[in-house]
Amino acid sequence: MNIVDHFDTSEDLRHRHDLMVELYRVEQARELAGQRASAVEIERLERQRRMISEALARLAA
């Protein structure tokens, strides 16, 4: 089965790709922040990561 068959349109695939790239970026920032950022900044990155993960889950549904 082609991976594109799991999505309604190629636009969905593009959005999923964009979200996955953003999720990676946030996860990397979170990892670096854990070494030298404030608790407020770490929590902001965690909220952003959760929001992106939830958006990815909705796209996959």
N, C-alpha and C. Protein backbone atom coordinates (compact mmCIF):
# COMPACT_ATOMS: atom_id res chain seq x y z
N MET A 1 0.84 -1.18 0.00
CA MET A 1 0.00 0.00 0.00
C MET A 1 0.89 1.24 0.00
N ASN A 2 0.56 2.19 -0.81
CA ASN A 2 1.29 3.44 -0.89
C ASN A 2 1.01 4.28 0.35
N ILE A 3 2.03 4.92 0.90
CA ILE A 3 1.85 5.74 2.11
C ILE A 3 0.85 6.86 1.88
N VAL A 4 0.76 7.36 0.67
CA VAL A 4 -0.17 8.44 0.38
C VAL A 4 -1.61 7.99 0.55
N ASP A 5 -1.88 6.70 0.44
CA ASP A 5 -3.24 6.18 0.62
C ASP A 5 -3.77 6.42 2.02
N HIS A 6 -2.90 6.68 2.97
CA HIS A 6 -3.33 6.92 4.35
C HIS A 6 -3.82 8.35 4.57
N PHE A 7 -3.68 9.20 3.59
CA PHE A 7 -4.06 10.60 3.71
C PHE A 7 -5.13 10.93 2.68
N ASP A 8 -5.94 11.92 3.00
CA ASP A 8 -7.00 12.32 2.09
C ASP A 8 -6.44 12.99 0.84
N THR A 9 -5.44 13.83 1.02
CA THR A 9 -4.89 14.58 -0.11
C THR A 9 -3.38 14.73 0.06
N SER A 10 -2.75 15.17 -1.01
CA SER A 10 -1.32 15.45 -0.90
C SER A 10 -1.08 16.63 0.04
N GLU A 11 -2.09 17.49 0.19
CA GLU A 11 -2.00 18.62 1.13
C GLU A 11 -1.87 18.09 2.56
N ASP A 12 -2.60 17.02 2.90
CA ASP A 12 -2.48 16.40 4.22
C ASP A 12 -1.06 15.89 4.44
N LEU A 13 -0.49 15.29 3.42
CA LEU A 13 0.87 14.78 3.51
C LEU A 13 1.86 15.91 3.75
N ARG A 14 1.67 17.01 3.06
CA ARG A 14 2.55 18.17 3.24
C ARG A 14 2.43 18.74 4.65
N HIS A 15 1.20 18.83 5.16
CA HIS A 15 1.00 19.32 6.53
C HIS A 15 1.65 18.39 7.54
N ARG A 16 1.49 17.10 7.33
CA ARG A 16 2.10 16.13 8.24
C ARG A 16 3.62 16.27 8.23
N HIS A 17 4.20 16.41 7.06
CA HIS A 17 5.65 16.59 6.95
C HIS A 17 6.09 17.86 7.69
N ASP A 18 5.38 18.96 7.46
CA ASP A 18 5.72 20.22 8.12
C ASP A 18 5.64 20.08 9.64
N LEU A 19 4.60 19.40 10.13
CA LEU A 19 4.46 19.21 11.58
C LEU A 19 5.56 18.32 12.13
N MET A 20 5.96 17.31 11.39
CA MET A 20 7.03 16.43 11.86
C MET A 20 8.36 17.18 11.94
N VAL A 21 8.62 18.04 10.97
CA VAL A 21 9.83 18.85 11.00
C VAL A 21 9.79 19.79 12.21
N GLU A 22 8.65 20.42 12.43
CA GLU A 22 8.51 21.34 13.58
C GLU A 22 8.64 20.58 14.89
N LEU A 23 8.07 19.39 14.97
CA LEU A 23 8.18 18.58 16.18
C LEU A 23 9.64 18.25 16.47
N TYR A 24 10.39 17.88 15.46
CA TYR A 24 11.82 17.59 15.63
C TYR A 24 12.55 18.83 16.14
N ARG A 25 12.25 19.98 15.54
CA ARG A 25 12.89 21.23 15.94
C ARG A 25 12.62 21.54 17.41
N VAL A 26 11.35 21.38 17.83
CA VAL A 26 10.98 21.65 19.23
C VAL A 26 11.64 20.64 20.17
N GLU A 27 11.68 19.38 19.78
CA GLU A 27 12.31 18.38 20.63
C GLU A 27 13.80 18.66 20.80
N GLN A 28 14.46 19.11 19.74
CA GLN A 28 15.87 19.45 19.85
C GLN A 28 16.07 20.67 20.75
N ALA A 29 15.21 21.67 20.61
CA ALA A 29 15.29 22.85 21.46
C ALA A 29 15.05 22.47 22.91
N ARG A 30 14.10 21.57 23.15
CA ARG A 30 13.80 21.11 24.51
C ARG A 30 15.00 20.40 25.12
N GLU A 31 15.66 19.59 24.33
CA GLU A 31 16.83 18.87 24.82
C GLU A 31 17.94 19.84 25.20
N LEU A 32 18.19 20.82 24.36
CA LEU A 32 19.20 21.83 24.67
C LEU A 32 18.79 22.70 25.85
N ALA A 33 17.51 23.02 25.92
CA ALA A 33 17.01 23.87 27.01
C ALA A 33 17.15 23.19 28.36
N GLY A 34 17.05 21.89 28.37
CA GLY A 34 17.17 21.16 29.63
C GLY A 34 18.51 21.37 30.30
N GLN A 35 19.49 21.76 29.53
CA GLN A 35 20.82 21.97 30.05
C GLN A 35 21.03 23.37 30.61
N ARG A 36 20.24 24.36 30.11
CA ARG A 36 20.54 25.72 30.53
C ARG A 36 19.36 26.70 30.55
N ALA A 37 18.15 26.22 30.36
CA ALA A 37 16.99 27.12 30.30
C ALA A 37 16.21 27.11 31.61
N SER A 38 15.37 28.11 31.74
CA SER A 38 14.52 28.20 32.92
C SER A 38 13.38 27.19 32.83
N ALA A 39 12.76 26.93 33.96
CA ALA A 39 11.62 26.02 34.01
C ALA A 39 10.48 26.54 33.15
N VAL A 40 10.31 27.84 33.09
CA VAL A 40 9.25 28.45 32.28
C VAL A 40 9.48 28.15 30.79
N GLU A 41 10.71 28.28 30.34
CA GLU A 41 11.03 28.01 28.94
C GLU A 41 10.86 26.53 28.61
N ILE A 42 11.26 25.67 29.51
CA ILE A 42 11.09 24.23 29.31
C ILE A 42 9.62 23.87 29.22
N GLU A 43 8.80 24.45 30.09
CA GLU A 43 7.36 24.18 30.05
C GLU A 43 6.74 24.69 28.76
N ARG A 44 7.19 25.84 28.27
CA ARG A 44 6.68 26.39 27.00
C ARG A 44 6.99 25.43 25.85
N LEU A 45 8.20 24.91 25.84
CA LEU A 45 8.58 23.95 24.79
C LEU A 45 7.79 22.66 24.91
N GLU A 46 7.54 22.21 26.12
CA GLU A 46 6.72 21.00 26.32
C GLU A 46 5.30 21.20 25.82
N ARG A 47 4.71 22.36 26.11
CA ARG A 47 3.35 22.66 25.62
C ARG A 47 3.33 22.67 24.09
N GLN A 48 4.35 23.28 23.50
CA GLN A 48 4.43 23.34 22.05
C GLN A 48 4.57 21.93 21.46
N ARG A 49 5.39 21.10 22.09
CA ARG A 49 5.57 19.72 21.62
C ARG A 49 4.26 18.95 21.69
N ARG A 50 3.53 19.10 22.80
CA ARG A 50 2.24 18.40 22.94
C ARG A 50 1.24 18.87 21.89
N MET A 51 1.21 20.17 21.63
CA MET A 51 0.28 20.71 20.65
C MET A 51 0.57 20.15 19.25
N ILE A 52 1.84 20.08 18.88
CA ILE A 52 2.21 19.54 17.57
C ILE A 52 1.89 18.05 17.50
N SER A 53 2.18 17.32 18.56
CA SER A 53 1.88 15.88 18.57
C SER A 53 0.38 15.63 18.43
N GLU A 54 -0.43 16.44 19.09
CA GLU A 54 -1.88 16.31 18.98
C GLU A 54 -2.35 16.61 17.56
N ALA A 55 -1.76 17.61 16.93
CA ALA A 55 -2.12 17.94 15.55
C ALA A 55 -1.75 16.79 14.61
N LEU A 56 -0.60 16.18 14.83
CA LEU A 56 -0.21 15.02 14.02
C LEU A 56 -1.18 13.87 14.21
N ALA A 57 -1.60 13.63 15.43
CA ALA A 57 -2.54 12.55 15.71
C ALA A 57 -3.88 12.79 15.01
N ARG A 58 -4.32 14.05 14.97
CA ARG A 58 -5.58 14.37 14.29
C ARG A 58 -5.45 14.17 12.79
N LEU A 59 -4.30 14.51 12.23
CA LEU A 59 -4.10 14.30 10.79
C LEU A 59 -4.12 12.81 10.43
N ALA A 60 -3.56 12.00 11.31
CA ALA A 60 -3.48 10.56 11.05
C ALA A 60 -4.83 9.88 11.21
N ALA A 61 -5.74 10.48 11.95
CA ALA A 61 -7.05 9.86 12.22
C ALA A 61 -7.96 9.89 11.02
